[in-house]
Amino acid sequence: MKLRGWAITAGLGAAAGAVAVMMMPRQNPARKLAAKAANKVEDLAWKVEDRMNQMG
């Protein structure tokens, strides 16, 4: 149960951080860095899904 609470808290914190970053001007370096990180995470998620489909 503690892990679930931690996951919810982490998710809410990430969502709040994402909202704060998205409110920044497009040219803000923090926003650009966050966009690059999000793109890398998305690419990794696609690779994991492809790998899982190959194994299945």
N, C-alpha and C. Protein backbone atom coordinates (compact mmCIF):
# COMPACT_ATOMS: atom_id res chain seq x y z
N MET A 1 0.82 -1.19 0.00
CA MET A 1 0.00 0.00 0.00
C MET A 1 0.87 1.27 0.00
N LYS A 2 2.02 1.20 0.65
CA LYS A 2 2.91 2.36 0.69
C LYS A 2 3.44 2.68 -0.70
N LEU A 3 3.73 1.65 -1.49
CA LEU A 3 4.23 1.86 -2.84
C LEU A 3 3.18 2.57 -3.69
N ARG A 4 1.94 2.19 -3.52
CA ARG A 4 0.87 2.83 -4.29
C ARG A 4 0.76 4.32 -3.94
N GLY A 5 0.85 4.63 -2.67
CA GLY A 5 0.80 6.03 -2.23
C GLY A 5 1.97 6.83 -2.78
N TRP A 6 3.15 6.20 -2.77
CA TRP A 6 4.33 6.87 -3.31
C TRP A 6 4.16 7.12 -4.80
N ALA A 7 3.65 6.13 -5.53
CA ALA A 7 3.46 6.27 -6.98
C ALA A 7 2.47 7.38 -7.30
N ILE A 8 1.40 7.45 -6.54
CA ILE A 8 0.40 8.51 -6.75
C ILE A 8 1.03 9.87 -6.48
N THR A 9 1.78 9.98 -5.40
CA THR A 9 2.43 11.25 -5.06
C THR A 9 3.44 11.65 -6.14
N ALA A 10 4.23 10.69 -6.60
CA ALA A 10 5.21 10.98 -7.65
C ALA A 10 4.51 11.41 -8.94
N GLY A 11 3.42 10.74 -9.26
CA GLY A 11 2.66 11.10 -10.46
C GLY A 11 2.08 12.49 -10.38
N LEU A 12 1.55 12.84 -9.23
CA LEU A 12 0.99 14.18 -9.05
C LEU A 12 2.09 15.24 -9.11
N GLY A 13 3.24 14.93 -8.54
CA GLY A 13 4.36 15.86 -8.59
C GLY A 13 4.86 16.06 -10.01
N ALA A 14 4.94 14.97 -10.76
CA ALA A 14 5.37 15.07 -12.16
C ALA A 14 4.36 15.87 -12.98
N ALA A 15 3.08 15.65 -12.73
CA ALA A 15 2.05 16.39 -13.46
C ALA A 15 2.12 17.88 -13.14
N ALA A 16 2.32 18.21 -11.88
CA ALA A 16 2.43 19.62 -11.49
C ALA A 16 3.65 20.25 -12.13
N GLY A 17 4.76 19.53 -12.15
CA GLY A 17 5.97 20.04 -12.79
C GLY A 17 5.77 20.24 -14.28
N ALA A 18 5.08 19.31 -14.91
CA ALA A 18 4.82 19.42 -16.35
C ALA A 18 3.96 20.65 -16.65
N VAL A 19 2.97 20.90 -15.83
CA VAL A 19 2.12 22.07 -16.03
C VAL A 19 2.94 23.35 -15.89
N ALA A 20 3.81 23.39 -14.89
CA ALA A 20 4.65 24.57 -14.67
C ALA A 20 5.57 24.80 -15.87
N VAL A 21 6.14 23.74 -16.39
CA VAL A 21 7.05 23.87 -17.53
C VAL A 21 6.28 24.33 -18.77
N MET A 22 5.09 23.78 -18.97
CA MET A 22 4.31 24.14 -20.16
C MET A 22 3.83 25.60 -20.12
N MET A 23 3.77 26.18 -18.95
CA MET A 23 3.35 27.58 -18.83
C MET A 23 4.49 28.54 -19.16
N MET A 24 5.70 28.02 -19.26
CA MET A 24 6.85 28.87 -19.57
C MET A 24 6.84 29.24 -21.06
N PRO A 25 7.48 30.33 -21.41
CA PRO A 25 7.59 30.68 -22.84
C PRO A 25 8.29 29.58 -23.62
N ARG A 26 7.96 29.46 -24.89
CA ARG A 26 8.53 28.39 -25.73
C ARG A 26 10.05 28.45 -25.82
N GLN A 27 10.62 29.63 -25.74
CA GLN A 27 12.07 29.78 -25.88
C GLN A 27 12.82 29.55 -24.56
N ASN A 28 12.11 29.28 -23.49
CA ASN A 28 12.74 29.06 -22.19
C ASN A 28 13.58 27.78 -22.23
N PRO A 29 14.84 27.83 -21.79
CA PRO A 29 15.71 26.65 -21.83
C PRO A 29 15.15 25.46 -21.03
N ALA A 30 14.48 25.73 -19.92
CA ALA A 30 13.91 24.64 -19.12
C ALA A 30 12.82 23.92 -19.91
N ARG A 31 12.03 24.67 -20.63
CA ARG A 31 10.96 24.06 -21.43
C ARG A 31 11.55 23.23 -22.57
N LYS A 32 12.61 23.75 -23.20
CA LYS A 32 13.26 22.99 -24.28
C LYS A 32 13.85 21.70 -23.74
N LEU A 33 14.48 21.76 -22.58
CA LEU A 33 15.07 20.57 -21.97
C LEU A 33 13.99 19.55 -21.62
N ALA A 34 12.88 20.03 -21.07
CA ALA A 34 11.78 19.13 -20.72
C ALA A 34 11.20 18.47 -21.96
N ALA A 35 11.10 19.20 -23.06
CA ALA A 35 10.58 18.63 -24.30
C ALA A 35 11.52 17.55 -24.83
N LYS A 36 12.82 17.78 -24.76
CA LYS A 36 13.79 16.77 -25.21
C LYS A 36 13.68 15.51 -24.35
N ALA A 37 13.56 15.71 -23.05
CA ALA A 37 13.44 14.56 -22.14
C ALA A 37 12.16 13.77 -22.43
N ALA A 38 11.07 14.48 -22.67
CA ALA A 38 9.80 13.81 -22.98
C ALA A 38 9.91 13.02 -24.27
N ASN A 39 10.58 13.57 -25.26
CA ASN A 39 10.76 12.86 -26.53
C ASN A 39 11.59 11.59 -26.34
N LYS A 40 12.62 11.66 -25.52
CA LYS A 40 13.45 10.49 -25.27
C LYS A 40 12.66 9.40 -24.54
N VAL A 41 11.84 9.81 -23.58
CA VAL A 41 11.02 8.84 -22.85
C VAL A 41 10.02 8.19 -23.80
N GLU A 42 9.43 8.97 -24.67
CA GLU A 42 8.47 8.42 -25.64
C GLU A 42 9.17 7.43 -26.58
N ASP A 43 10.35 7.78 -27.06
CA ASP A 43 11.10 6.87 -27.93
C ASP A 43 11.42 5.56 -27.21
N LEU A 44 11.83 5.67 -25.96
CA LEU A 44 12.14 4.47 -25.19
C LEU A 44 10.90 3.61 -25.00
N ALA A 45 9.77 4.24 -24.73
CA ALA A 45 8.52 3.49 -24.55
C ALA A 45 8.16 2.72 -25.82
N TRP A 46 8.34 3.35 -26.98
CA TRP A 46 8.06 2.66 -28.24
C TRP A 46 9.01 1.49 -28.43
N LYS A 47 10.29 1.67 -28.10
CA LYS A 47 11.26 0.59 -28.25
C LYS A 47 10.92 -0.59 -27.33
N VAL A 48 10.51 -0.28 -26.11
CA VAL A 48 10.13 -1.33 -25.17
C VAL A 48 8.91 -2.08 -25.70
N GLU A 49 7.94 -1.35 -26.19
CA GLU A 49 6.74 -2.00 -26.73
C GLU A 49 7.09 -2.88 -27.93
N ASP A 50 7.93 -2.39 -28.82
CA ASP A 50 8.34 -3.20 -29.97
C ASP A 50 9.05 -4.46 -29.52
N ARG A 51 9.94 -4.32 -28.56
CA ARG A 51 10.68 -5.48 -28.04
C ARG A 51 9.73 -6.49 -27.40
N MET A 52 8.74 -6.03 -26.65
CA MET A 52 7.78 -6.92 -26.02
C MET A 52 6.96 -7.65 -27.08
N ASN A 53 6.61 -6.96 -28.14
CA ASN A 53 5.83 -7.59 -29.22
C ASN A 53 6.66 -8.66 -29.94
N GLN A 54 7.96 -8.44 -30.06
CA GLN A 54 8.84 -9.42 -30.70
C GLN A 54 8.97 -10.67 -29.84
N MET A 55 8.98 -10.49 -28.53
CA MET A 55 9.15 -11.62 -27.62
C MET A 55 7.87 -12.43 -27.48
N GLY A 56 6.74 -11.76 -27.63
CA GLY A 56 5.45 -12.39 -27.37
C GLY A 56 5.02 -13.27 -28.45
